[in-house]
């Protein structure tokens, strides 16, 4: 689905380095966008996302999550989008012990 790519592109356009998978060079703060569910109906893709906010410390990862969370409601103002809501934010330490991560669960809908 293009919804994931659309959200990644939008975040990058807003100055947030966003990727579909964790990049190899993780020295800078970044986010990952992963579709976790959703459905398509009547030309609208209503998707659920996990947006991981990665940084070197918990404090920086939390700040990045707050920044992203404040930006996301503006996604629904785009002509191709109909809805965007942050459902939750939580600390989600990476399993490999590299850096820190907070994660947002997000619902968004776009026209397809």
PDB file of N, CA and C in Angstrom:
ATOM      1  N   UNK A   1       0.830  -1.187   0.000  1.00  0.00           N
ATOM      2  CA  UNK A   1       0.000   0.000   0.000  1.00  0.00           C
ATOM      3  C   UNK A   1       0.875   1.252   0.000  1.00  0.00           C
ATOM      4  N   UNK A   2       0.402   2.263  -0.653  1.00  0.00           N
ATOM      5  CA  UNK A   2       1.143   3.516  -0.747  1.00  0.00           C
ATOM      6  C   UNK A   2       0.974   4.406   0.487  1.00  0.00           C
ATOM      7  N   UNK A   3       0.039   4.069   1.369  1.00  0.00           N
ATOM      8  CA  UNK A   3      -0.211   4.913   2.537  1.00  0.00           C
ATOM      9  C   UNK A   3       1.039   5.050   3.397  1.00  0.00           C
ATOM     10  N   UNK A   4       1.748   3.965   3.570  1.00  0.00           N
ATOM     11  CA  UNK A   4       2.989   3.986   4.354  1.00  0.00           C
ATOM     12  C   UNK A   4       4.008   4.930   3.715  1.00  0.00           C
ATOM     13  N   UNK A   5       4.210   4.804   2.411  1.00  0.00           N
ATOM     14  CA  UNK A   5       5.152   5.675   1.703  1.00  0.00           C
ATOM     15  C   UNK A   5       4.707   7.133   1.760  1.00  0.00           C
ATOM     16  N   UNK A   6       3.406   7.353   1.672  1.00  0.00           N
ATOM     17  CA  UNK A   6       2.875   8.716   1.726  1.00  0.00           C
ATOM     18  C   UNK A   6       3.178   9.359   3.068  1.00  0.00           C
ATOM     19  N   UNK A   7       2.981   8.634   4.154  1.00  0.00           N
ATOM     20  CA  UNK A   7       3.260   9.169   5.486  1.00  0.00           C
ATOM     21  C   UNK A   7       4.758   9.390   5.685  1.00  0.00           C
ATOM     22  N   UNK A   8       5.595   8.490   5.203  1.00  0.00           N
ATOM     23  CA  UNK A   8       7.049   8.657   5.296  1.00  0.00           C
ATOM     24  C   UNK A   8       7.480   9.915   4.541  1.00  0.00           C
ATOM     25  N   UNK A   9       6.983  10.087   3.335  1.00  0.00           N
ATOM     26  CA  UNK A   9       7.325  11.264   2.518  1.00  0.00           C
ATOM     27  C   UNK A   9       6.861  12.547   3.213  1.00  0.00           C
ATOM     28  N   UNK A  10       5.657  12.532   3.777  1.00  0.00           N
ATOM     29  CA  UNK A  10       5.126  13.710   4.462  1.00  0.00           C
ATOM     30  C   UNK A  10       6.007  14.084   5.663  1.00  0.00           C
ATOM     31  N   UNK A  11       6.389  13.099   6.468  1.00  0.00           N
ATOM     32  CA  UNK A  11       7.257  13.378   7.619  1.00  0.00           C
ATOM     33  C   UNK A  11       8.594  13.955   7.166  1.00  0.00           C
ATOM     34  N   UNK A  12       9.184  13.385   6.125  1.00  0.00           N
ATOM     35  CA  UNK A  12      10.445  13.927   5.603  1.00  0.00           C
ATOM     36  C   UNK A  12      10.268  15.367   5.134  1.00  0.00           C
ATOM     37  N   UNK A  13       9.155  15.659   4.469  1.00  0.00           N
ATOM     38  CA  UNK A  13       8.876  17.029   4.015  1.00  0.00           C
ATOM     39  C   UNK A  13       8.748  18.000   5.182  1.00  0.00           C
ATOM     40  N   UNK A  14       8.371  17.500   6.353  1.00  0.00           N
ATOM     41  CA  UNK A  14       8.244  18.321   7.561  1.00  0.00           C
ATOM     42  C   UNK A  14       9.556  18.406   8.343  1.00  0.00           C
ATOM     43  N   UNK A  15      10.622  17.821   7.812  1.00  0.00           N
ATOM     44  CA  UNK A  15      11.931  17.893   8.462  1.00  0.00           C
ATOM     45  C   UNK A  15      12.229  16.768   9.430  1.00  0.00           C
ATOM     46  N   UNK A  16      11.388  15.730   9.442  1.00  0.00           N
ATOM     47  CA  UNK A  16      11.607  14.577  10.319  1.00  0.00           C
ATOM     48  C   UNK A  16      12.191  13.451   9.465  1.00  0.00           C
ATOM     49  N   UNK A  17      13.438  13.043   9.707  1.00  0.00           N
ATOM     50  CA  UNK A  17      13.997  11.927   8.931  1.00  0.00           C
ATOM     51  C   UNK A  17      13.202  10.645   9.199  1.00  0.00           C
ATOM     52  N   UNK A  18      12.506  10.158   8.168  1.00  0.00           N
ATOM     53  CA  UNK A  18      11.614   9.008   8.325  1.00  0.00           C
ATOM     54  C   UNK A  18      11.958   7.925   7.319  1.00  0.00           C
ATOM     55  N   UNK A  19      11.836   6.669   7.763  1.00  0.00           N
ATOM     56  CA  UNK A  19      12.204   5.508   6.947  1.00  0.00           C
ATOM     57  C   UNK A  19      11.183   4.391   7.150  1.00  0.00           C
ATOM     58  N   UNK A  20      11.164   3.470   6.201  1.00  0.00           N
ATOM     59  CA  UNK A  20      10.328   2.284   6.327  1.00  0.00           C
ATOM     60  C   UNK A  20      10.979   1.211   7.186  1.00  0.00           C
ATOM     61  N   UNK A  21      12.299   1.214   7.235  1.00  0.00           N
ATOM     62  CA  UNK A  21      13.055   0.298   8.088  1.00  0.00           C
ATOM     63  C   UNK A  21      14.187   1.078   8.751  1.00  0.00           C
ATOM     64  N   UNK A  22      14.707   0.545   9.825  1.00  0.00           N
ATOM     65  CA  UNK A  22      15.789   1.207  10.560  1.00  0.00           C
ATOM     66  C   UNK A  22      17.026   1.303   9.670  1.00  0.00           C
ATOM     67  N   UNK A  23      17.549   2.529   9.461  1.00  0.00           N
ATOM     68  CA  UNK A  23      18.749   2.669   8.621  1.00  0.00           C
ATOM     69  C   UNK A  23      19.991   2.123   9.323  1.00  0.00           C
ATOM     70  N   UNK A  24      21.005   1.810   8.528  1.00  0.00           N
ATOM     71  CA  UNK A  24      22.256   1.288   9.105  1.00  0.00           C
ATOM     72  C   UNK A  24      22.977   2.347   9.925  1.00  0.00           C
ATOM     73  N   UNK A  25      22.995   3.594   9.430  1.00  0.00           N
ATOM     74  CA  UNK A  25      23.639   4.689  10.151  1.00  0.00           C
ATOM     75  C   UNK A  25      22.617   5.299  11.095  1.00  0.00           C
ATOM     76  N   UNK A  26      22.737   4.990  12.369  1.00  0.00           N
ATOM     77  CA  UNK A  26      21.750   5.459  13.342  1.00  0.00           C
ATOM     78  C   UNK A  26      22.346   6.465  14.316  1.00  0.00           C
ATOM     79  N   UNK A  27      23.282   7.269  13.851  1.00  0.00           N
ATOM     80  CA  UNK A  27      23.906   8.255  14.723  1.00  0.00           C
ATOM     81  C   UNK A  27      23.023   9.474  14.951  1.00  0.00           C
ATOM     82  N   UNK A  28      22.042   9.707  14.083  1.00  0.00           N
ATOM     83  CA  UNK A  28      21.145  10.844  14.212  1.00  0.00           C
ATOM     84  C   UNK A  28      19.753  10.356  14.578  1.00  0.00           C
ATOM     85  N   UNK A  29      18.955  11.272  15.126  1.00  0.00           N
ATOM     86  CA  UNK A  29      17.564  10.950  15.444  1.00  0.00           C
ATOM     87  C   UNK A  29      16.793  10.672  14.161  1.00  0.00           C
ATOM     88  N   UNK A  30      15.842   9.739  14.219  1.00  0.00           N
ATOM     89  CA  UNK A  30      15.039   9.398  13.053  1.00  0.00           C
ATOM     90  C   UNK A  30      13.781   8.683  13.514  1.00  0.00           C
ATOM     91  N   UNK A  31      12.847   8.509  12.590  1.00  0.00           N
ATOM     92  CA  UNK A  31      11.648   7.724  12.879  1.00  0.00           C
ATOM     93  C   UNK A  31      11.498   6.628  11.845  1.00  0.00           C
ATOM     94  N   UNK A  32      10.858   5.543  12.272  1.00  0.00           N
ATOM     95  CA  UNK A  32      10.472   4.479  11.352  1.00  0.00           C
ATOM     96  C   UNK A  32       8.951   4.413  11.332  1.00  0.00           C
ATOM     97  N   UNK A  33       8.412   4.124  10.157  1.00  0.00           N
ATOM     98  CA  UNK A  33       6.967   4.027   9.982  1.00  0.00           C
ATOM     99  C   UNK A  33       6.641   2.618   9.516  1.00  0.00           C
ATOM    100  N   UNK A  34       5.809   1.934  10.294  1.00  0.00           N
ATOM    101  CA  UNK A  34       5.441   0.555   9.969  1.00  0.00           C
ATOM    102  C   UNK A  34       3.925   0.418  10.015  1.00  0.00           C
ATOM    103  N   UNK A  35       3.366  -0.020   8.918  1.00  0.00           N
ATOM    104  CA  UNK A  35       1.922  -0.279   8.888  1.00  0.00           C
ATOM    105  C   UNK A  35       1.649  -1.530   9.717  1.00  0.00           C
ATOM    106  N   UNK A  36       0.691  -1.442  10.621  1.00  0.00           N
ATOM    107  CA  UNK A  36       0.380  -2.578  11.485  1.00  0.00           C
ATOM    108  C   UNK A  36      -1.017  -3.141  11.245  1.00  0.00           C
ATOM    109  N   UNK A  37      -1.794  -2.497  10.385  1.00  0.00           N
ATOM    110  CA  UNK A  37      -3.131  -2.993  10.098  1.00  0.00           C
ATOM    111  C   UNK A  37      -3.939  -1.984   9.315  1.00  0.00           C
ATOM    112  N   UNK A  38      -5.219  -2.288   9.177  1.00  0.00           N
ATOM    113  CA  UNK A  38      -6.118  -1.384   8.483  1.00  0.00           C
ATOM    114  C   UNK A  38      -6.839  -2.073   7.343  1.00  0.00           C
ATOM    115  N   UNK A  39      -7.668  -1.297   6.662  1.00  0.00           N
ATOM    116  CA  UNK A  39      -8.471  -1.836   5.569  1.00  0.00           C
ATOM    117  C   UNK A  39      -8.735  -0.761   4.531  1.00  0.00           C
ATOM    118  N   UNK A  40      -9.050  -1.215   3.325  1.00  0.00           N
ATOM    119  CA  UNK A  40      -9.410  -0.320   2.225  1.00  0.00           C
ATOM    120  C   UNK A  40     -10.886  -0.498   1.937  1.00  0.00           C
ATOM    121  N   UNK A  41     -11.602   0.636   1.823  1.00  0.00           N
ATOM    122  CA  UNK A  41     -13.023   0.591   1.518  1.00  0.00           C
ATOM    123  C   UNK A  41     -13.435   1.886   0.829  1.00  0.00           C
ATOM    124  N   UNK A  42     -14.183   1.751  -0.246  1.00  0.00           N
ATOM    125  CA  UNK A  42     -14.726   2.914  -0.956  1.00  0.00           C
ATOM    126  C   UNK A  42     -13.661   3.949  -1.315  1.00  0.00           C
ATOM    127  N   UNK A  43     -12.498   3.492  -1.748  1.00  0.00           N
ATOM    128  CA  UNK A  43     -11.439   4.395  -2.191  1.00  0.00           C
ATOM    129  C   UNK A  43     -10.651   5.070  -1.092  1.00  0.00           C
ATOM    130  N   UNK A  44     -10.823   4.626   0.138  1.00  0.00           N
ATOM    131  CA  UNK A  44     -10.072   5.186   1.266  1.00  0.00           C
ATOM    132  C   UNK A  44      -9.321   4.065   1.968  1.00  0.00           C
ATOM    133  N   UNK A  45      -8.021   4.292   2.165  1.00  0.00           N
ATOM    134  CA  UNK A  45      -7.195   3.355   2.920  1.00  0.00           C
ATOM    135  C   UNK A  45      -7.106   3.858   4.353  1.00  0.00           C
ATOM    136  N   UNK A  46      -7.738   3.152   5.260  1.00  0.00           N
ATOM    137  CA  UNK A  46      -7.707   3.493   6.690  1.00  0.00           C
ATOM    138  C   UNK A  46      -6.707   2.553   7.357  1.00  0.00           C
ATOM    139  N   UNK A  47      -5.564   3.104   7.728  1.00  0.00           N
ATOM    140  CA  UNK A  47      -4.452   2.278   8.197  1.00  0.00           C
ATOM    141  C   UNK A  47      -4.071   2.592   9.638  1.00  0.00           C
ATOM    142  N   UNK A  48      -3.481   1.590  10.283  1.00  0.00           N
ATOM    143  CA  UNK A  48      -2.875   1.747  11.600  1.00  0.00           C
ATOM    144  C   UNK A  48      -1.360   1.674  11.424  1.00  0.00           C
ATOM    145  N   UNK A  49      -0.651   2.519  12.159  1.00  0.00           N
ATOM    146  CA  UNK A  49       0.803   2.576  12.058  1.00  0.00           C
ATOM    147  C   UNK A  49       1.455   2.540  13.427  1.00  0.00           C
ATOM    148  N   UNK A  50       2.663   1.976  13.459  1.00  0.00           N
ATOM    149  CA  UNK A  50       3.568   2.123  14.589  1.00  0.00           C
ATOM    150  C   UNK A  50       4.677   3.045  14.094  1.00  0.00           C
ATOM    151  N   UNK A  51       4.842   4.168  14.768  1.00  0.00           N
ATOM    152  CA  UNK A  51       5.894   5.112  14.400  1.00  0.00           C
ATOM    153  C   UNK A  51       6.917   5.118  15.520  1.00  0.00           C
ATOM    154  N   UNK A  52       8.077   4.531  15.239  1.00  0.00           N
ATOM    155  CA  UNK A  52       9.160   4.464  16.212  1.00  0.00           C
ATOM    156  C   UNK A  52      10.001   5.719  16.135  1.00  0.00           C
ATOM    157  N   UNK A  53      10.251   6.341  17.276  1.00  0.00           N
ATOM    158  CA  UNK A  53      11.062   7.562  17.367  1.00  0.00           C
ATOM    159  C   UNK A  53      12.364   7.200  18.068  1.00  0.00           C
ATOM    160  N   UNK A  54      13.433   7.179  17.309  1.00  0.00           N
ATOM    161  CA  UNK A  54      14.720   6.670  17.756  1.00  0.00           C
ATOM    162  C   UNK A  54      15.700   7.800  18.070  1.00  0.00           C
ATOM    163  N   UNK A  55      16.466   7.637  19.147  1.00  0.00           N
ATOM    164  CA  UNK A  55      17.503   8.593  19.509  1.00  0.00           C
ATOM    165  C   UNK A  55      18.519   7.915  20.418  1.00  0.00           C
ATOM    166  N   UNK A  56      19.483   8.698  20.885  1.00  0.00           N
ATOM    167  CA  UNK A  56      20.552   8.140  21.715  1.00  0.00           C
ATOM    168  C   UNK A  56      20.164   8.014  23.183  1.00  0.00           C
ATOM    169  N   UNK A  57      19.170   8.791  23.635  1.00  0.00           N
ATOM    170  CA  UNK A  57      18.740   8.730  25.031  1.00  0.00           C
ATOM    171  C   UNK A  57      17.212   8.686  25.105  1.00  0.00           C
ATOM    172  N   UNK A  58      16.696   8.240  26.250  1.00  0.00           N
ATOM    173  CA  UNK A  58      15.246   8.231  26.443  1.00  0.00           C
ATOM    174  C   UNK A  58      14.657   9.631  26.336  1.00  0.00           C
ATOM    175  N   UNK A  59      15.357  10.604  26.900  1.00  0.00           N
ATOM    176  CA  UNK A  59      14.867  11.979  26.879  1.00  0.00           C
ATOM    177  C   UNK A  59      14.739  12.502  25.442  1.00  0.00           C
ATOM    178  N   UNK A  60      15.741  12.247  24.627  1.00  0.00           N
ATOM    179  CA  UNK A  60      15.710  12.708  23.232  1.00  0.00           C
ATOM    180  C   UNK A  60      14.662  11.950  22.427  1.00  0.00           C
ATOM    181  N   UNK A  61      14.540  10.656  22.669  1.00  0.00           N
ATOM    182  CA  UNK A  61      13.525   9.868  21.951  1.00  0.00           C
ATOM    183  C   UNK A  61      12.120  10.334  22.340  1.00  0.00           C
ATOM    184  N   UNK A  62      11.919  10.635  23.609  1.00  0.00           N
ATOM    185  CA  UNK A  62      10.632  11.144  24.075  1.00  0.00           C
ATOM    186  C   UNK A  62      10.321  12.505  23.447  1.00  0.00           C
ATOM    187  N   UNK A  63      11.326  13.364  23.368  1.00  0.00           N
ATOM    188  CA  UNK A  63      11.131  14.680  22.741  1.00  0.00           C
ATOM    189  C   UNK A  63      10.787  14.548  21.264  1.00  0.00           C
ATOM    190  N   UNK A  64      11.463  13.629  20.578  1.00  0.00           N
ATOM    191  CA  UNK A  64      11.160  13.394  19.167  1.00  0.00           C
ATOM    192  C   UNK A  64       9.733  12.874  19.014  1.00  0.00           C
ATOM    193  N   UNK A  65       9.318  11.972  19.890  1.00  0.00           N
ATOM    194  CA  UNK A  65       7.945  11.452  19.847  1.00  0.00           C
ATOM    195  C   UNK A  65       6.936  12.571  20.060  1.00  0.00           C
ATOM    196  N   UNK A  66       7.221  13.480  20.970  1.00  0.00           N
ATOM    197  CA  UNK A  66       6.329  14.618  21.195  1.00  0.00           C
ATOM    198  C   UNK A  66       6.252  15.507  19.963  1.00  0.00           C
ATOM    199  N   UNK A  67       7.404  15.748  19.352  1.00  0.00           N
ATOM    200  CA  UNK A  67       7.444  16.577  18.143  1.00  0.00           C
ATOM    201  C   UNK A  67       6.615  15.944  17.018  1.00  0.00           C
ATOM    202  N   UNK A  68       6.817  14.663  16.797  1.00  0.00           N
ATOM    203  CA  UNK A  68       6.084  13.952  15.751  1.00  0.00           C
ATOM    204  C   UNK A  68       4.592  13.925  16.089  1.00  0.00           C
ATOM    205  N   UNK A  69       4.269  13.658  17.350  1.00  0.00           N
ATOM    206  CA  UNK A  69       2.880  13.611  17.775  1.00  0.00           C
ATOM    207  C   UNK A  69       2.144  14.929  17.580  1.00  0.00           C
ATOM    208  N   UNK A  70       2.847  16.033  17.750  1.00  0.00           N
ATOM    209  CA  UNK A  70       2.225  17.337  17.537  1.00  0.00           C
ATOM    210  C   UNK A  70       2.044  17.652  16.055  1.00  0.00           C
ATOM    211  N   UNK A  71       2.919  17.110  15.212  1.00  0.00           N
ATOM    212  CA  UNK A  71       2.812  17.336  13.767  1.00  0.00           C
ATOM    213  C   UNK A  71       1.725  16.499  13.105  1.00  0.00           C
ATOM    214  N   UNK A  72       1.551  15.278  13.549  1.00  0.00           N
ATOM    215  CA  UNK A  72       0.696  14.323  12.840  1.00  0.00           C
ATOM    216  C   UNK A  72      -0.747  14.762  12.597  1.00  0.00           C
ATOM    217  N   UNK A  73      -1.416  15.456  13.517  1.00  0.00           N
ATOM    218  CA  UNK A  73      -2.779  15.882  13.194  1.00  0.00           C
ATOM    219  C   UNK A  73      -2.861  16.758  11.937  1.00  0.00           C
ATOM    220  N   UNK A  74      -1.781  17.447  11.594  1.00  0.00           N
ATOM    221  CA  UNK A  74      -1.759  18.273  10.376  1.00  0.00           C
ATOM    222  C   UNK A  74      -1.772  17.431   9.104  1.00  0.00           C
ATOM    223  N   UNK A  75      -1.435  16.154   9.207  1.00  0.00           N
ATOM    224  CA  UNK A  75      -1.447  15.264   8.039  1.00  0.00           C
ATOM    225  C   UNK A  75      -2.836  15.233   7.401  1.00  0.00           C
ATOM    226  N   UNK A  76      -3.883  15.272   8.237  1.00  0.00           N
ATOM    227  CA  UNK A  76      -5.239  15.184   7.699  1.00  0.00           C
ATOM    228  C   UNK A  76      -5.642  16.428   6.916  1.00  0.00           C
ATOM    229  N   UNK A  77      -4.853  17.513   6.984  1.00  0.00           N
ATOM    230  CA  UNK A  77      -5.141  18.725   6.218  1.00  0.00           C
ATOM    231  C   UNK A  77      -4.666  18.631   4.771  1.00  0.00           C
ATOM    232  N   UNK A  78      -3.884  17.591   4.468  1.00  0.00           N
ATOM    233  CA  UNK A  78      -3.432  17.405   3.089  1.00  0.00           C
ATOM    234  C   UNK A  78      -4.614  16.974   2.222  1.00  0.00           C
ATOM    235  N   UNK A  79      -4.585  17.355   0.947  1.00  0.00           N
ATOM    236  CA  UNK A  79      -5.719  17.072   0.058  1.00  0.00           C
ATOM    237  C   UNK A  79      -5.970  15.584  -0.144  1.00  0.00           C
ATOM    238  N   UNK A  80      -4.939  14.764   0.047  1.00  0.00           N
ATOM    239  CA  UNK A  80      -5.069  13.324  -0.156  1.00  0.00           C
ATOM    240  C   UNK A  80      -5.449  12.575   1.123  1.00  0.00           C
ATOM    241  N   UNK A  81      -5.503  13.270   2.253  1.00  0.00           N
ATOM    242  CA  UNK A  81      -5.767  12.613   3.536  1.00  0.00           C
ATOM    243  C   UNK A  81      -7.146  12.998   4.068  1.00  0.00           C
ATOM    244  N   UNK A  82      -7.737  12.098   4.842  1.00  0.00           N
ATOM    245  CA  UNK A  82      -9.049  12.373   5.429  1.00  0.00           C
ATOM    246  C   UNK A  82      -9.040  12.356   6.953  1.00  0.00           C
ATOM    247  N   UNK A  83      -8.001  11.745   7.547  1.00  0.00           N
ATOM    248  CA  UNK A  83      -7.999  11.573   9.000  1.00  0.00           C
ATOM    249  C   UNK A  83      -6.598  11.223   9.468  1.00  0.00           C
ATOM    250  N   UNK A  84      -6.230  11.695  10.664  1.00  0.00           N
ATOM    251  CA  UNK A  84      -4.992  11.257  11.321  1.00  0.00           C
ATOM    252  C   UNK A  84      -5.107  11.530  12.813  1.00  0.00           C
ATOM    253  N   UNK A  85      -4.826  10.511  13.605  1.00  0.00           N
ATOM    254  CA  UNK A  85      -4.936  10.630  15.053  1.00  0.00           C
ATOM    255  C   UNK A  85      -3.857   9.796  15.739  1.00  0.00           C
ATOM    256  N   UNK A  86      -3.223  10.374  16.747  1.00  0.00           N
ATOM    257  CA  UNK A  86      -2.277   9.634  17.584  1.00  0.00           C
ATOM    258  C   UNK A  86      -3.090   8.957  18.681  1.00  0.00           C
ATOM    259  N   UNK A  87      -3.018   7.636  18.726  1.00  0.00           N
ATOM    260  CA  UNK A  87      -3.804   6.862  19.688  1.00  0.00           C
ATOM    261  C   UNK A  87      -3.063   6.660  21.011  1.00  0.00           C
ATOM    262  N   UNK A  88      -1.733   6.485  20.945  1.00  0.00           N
ATOM    263  CA  UNK A  88      -0.958   6.305  22.172  1.00  0.00           C
ATOM    264  C   UNK A  88       0.519   6.567  21.904  1.00  0.00           C
ATOM    265  N   UNK A  89       1.245   6.800  22.996  1.00  0.00           N
ATOM    266  CA  UNK A  89       2.696   6.986  22.964  1.00  0.00           C
ATOM    267  C   UNK A  89       3.260   6.192  24.133  1.00  0.00           C
ATOM    268  N   UNK A  90       4.314   5.434  23.875  1.00  0.00           N
ATOM    269  CA  UNK A  90       4.897   4.650  24.955  1.00  0.00           C
ATOM    270  C   UNK A  90       6.381   4.398  24.694  1.00  0.00           C
ATOM    271  N   UNK A  91       7.105   4.137  25.765  1.00  0.00           N
ATOM    272  CA  UNK A  91       8.521   3.785  25.659  1.00  0.00           C
ATOM    273  C   UNK A  91       8.619   2.350  25.157  1.00  0.00           C
ATOM    274  N   UNK A  92       9.472   2.141  24.158  1.00  0.00           N
ATOM    275  CA  UNK A  92       9.604   0.824  23.533  1.00  0.00           C
ATOM    276  C   UNK A  92      11.085   0.567  23.246  1.00  0.00           C
ATOM    277  N   UNK A  93      11.850   0.154  24.268  1.00  0.00           N
ATOM    278  CA  UNK A  93      13.291  -0.025  24.103  1.00  0.00           C
ATOM    279  C   UNK A  93      13.608  -0.999  22.971  1.00  0.00           C
ATOM    280  N   UNK A  94      14.604  -0.666  22.147  1.00  0.00           N
ATOM    281  CA  UNK A  94      14.985  -1.582  21.065  1.00  0.00           C
ATOM    282  C   UNK A  94      15.562  -2.872  21.627  1.00  0.00           C
ATOM    283  N   UNK A  95      15.245  -3.980  20.985  1.00  0.00           N
ATOM    284  CA  UNK A  95      15.702  -5.286  21.442  1.00  0.00           C
ATOM    285  C   UNK A  95      17.199  -5.492  21.328  1.00  0.00           C
ATOM    286  N   UNK A  96      17.839  -4.729  20.449  1.00  0.00           N
ATOM    287  CA  UNK A  96      19.284  -4.922  20.255  1.00  0.00           C
ATOM    288  C   UNK A  96      20.121  -4.025  21.159  1.00  0.00           C
ATOM    289  N   UNK A  97      19.462  -3.235  22.017  1.00  0.00           N
ATOM    290  CA  UNK A  97      20.185  -2.400  22.967  1.00  0.00           C
ATOM    291  C   UNK A  97      20.840  -1.170  22.377  1.00  0.00           C
ATOM    292  N   UNK A  98      20.519  -0.830  21.136  1.00  0.00           N
ATOM    293  CA  UNK A  98      21.135   0.335  20.498  1.00  0.00           C
ATOM    294  C   UNK A  98      20.224   1.542  20.635  1.00  0.00           C
ATOM    295  N   UNK A  99      20.632   2.503  21.457  1.00  0.00           N
ATOM    296  CA  UNK A  99      19.879   3.738  21.606  1.00  0.00           C
ATOM    297  C   UNK A  99      18.589   3.560  22.371  1.00  0.00           C
ATOM    298  N   UNK A 100      17.683   4.513  22.147  1.00  0.00           N
ATOM    299  CA  UNK A 100      16.389   4.528  22.827  1.00  0.00           C
ATOM    300  C   UNK A 100      15.287   4.752  21.806  1.00  0.00           C
ATOM    301  N   UNK A 101      14.080   4.292  22.156  1.00  0.00           N
ATOM    302  CA  UNK A 101      12.955   4.443  21.239  1.00  0.00           C
ATOM    303  C   UNK A 101      11.673   4.661  22.025  1.00  0.00           C
ATOM    304  N   UNK A 102      10.893   5.615  21.555  1.00  0.00           N
ATOM    305  CA  UNK A 102       9.499   5.770  21.965  1.00  0.00           C
ATOM    306  C   UNK A 102       8.664   5.464  20.737  1.00  0.00           C
ATOM    307  N   UNK A 103       7.468   4.949  20.944  1.00  0.00           N
ATOM    308  CA  UNK A 103       6.640   4.570  19.807  1.00  0.00           C
ATOM    309  C   UNK A 103       5.255   5.188  19.927  1.00  0.00           C
ATOM    310  N   UNK A 104       4.741   5.650  18.791  1.00  0.00           N
ATOM    311  CA  UNK A 104       3.381   6.165  18.701  1.00  0.00           C
ATOM    312  C   UNK A 104       2.545   5.172  17.915  1.00  0.00           C
ATOM    313  N   UNK A 105       1.319   4.956  18.341  1.00  0.00           N
ATOM    314  CA  UNK A 105       0.371   4.225  17.505  1.00  0.00           C
ATOM    315  C   UNK A 105      -0.533   5.287  16.886  1.00  0.00           C
ATOM    316  N   UNK A 106      -0.719   5.163  15.581  1.00  0.00           N
ATOM    317  CA  UNK A 106      -1.372   6.212  14.800  1.00  0.00           C
ATOM    318  C   UNK A 106      -2.401   5.588  13.866  1.00  0.00           C
ATOM    319  N   UNK A 107      -3.531   6.250  13.712  1.00  0.00           N
ATOM    320  CA  UNK A 107      -4.528   5.882  12.709  1.00  0.00           C
ATOM    321  C   UNK A 107      -4.560   7.002  11.680  1.00  0.00           C
ATOM    322  N   UNK A 108      -4.540   6.630  10.406  1.00  0.00           N
ATOM    323  CA  UNK A 108      -4.581   7.621   9.321  1.00  0.00           C
ATOM    324  C   UNK A 108      -5.322   7.061   8.134  1.00  0.00           C
ATOM    325  N   UNK A 109      -5.987   7.942   7.411  1.00  0.00           N
ATOM    326  CA  UNK A 109      -6.734   7.532   6.214  1.00  0.00           C
ATOM    327  C   UNK A 109      -6.393   8.451   5.049  1.00  0.00           C
ATOM    328  N   UNK A 110      -6.188   7.831   3.880  1.00  0.00           N
ATOM    329  CA  UNK A 110      -5.932   8.614   2.671  1.00  0.00           C
ATOM    330  C   UNK A 110      -6.791   8.083   1.530  1.00  0.00           C
ATOM    331  N   UNK A 111      -7.027   8.965   0.558  1.00  0.00           N
ATOM    332  CA  UNK A 111      -7.703   8.545  -0.663  1.00  0.00           C
ATOM    333  C   UNK A 111      -6.718   7.742  -1.502  1.00  0.00           C
ATOM    334  N   UNK A 112      -7.207   6.675  -2.132  1.00  0.00           N
ATOM    335  CA  UNK A 112      -6.331   5.905  -3.011  1.00  0.00           C
ATOM    336  C   UNK A 112      -6.874   5.922  -4.434  1.00  0.00           C
TER     337      UNK A 112
END
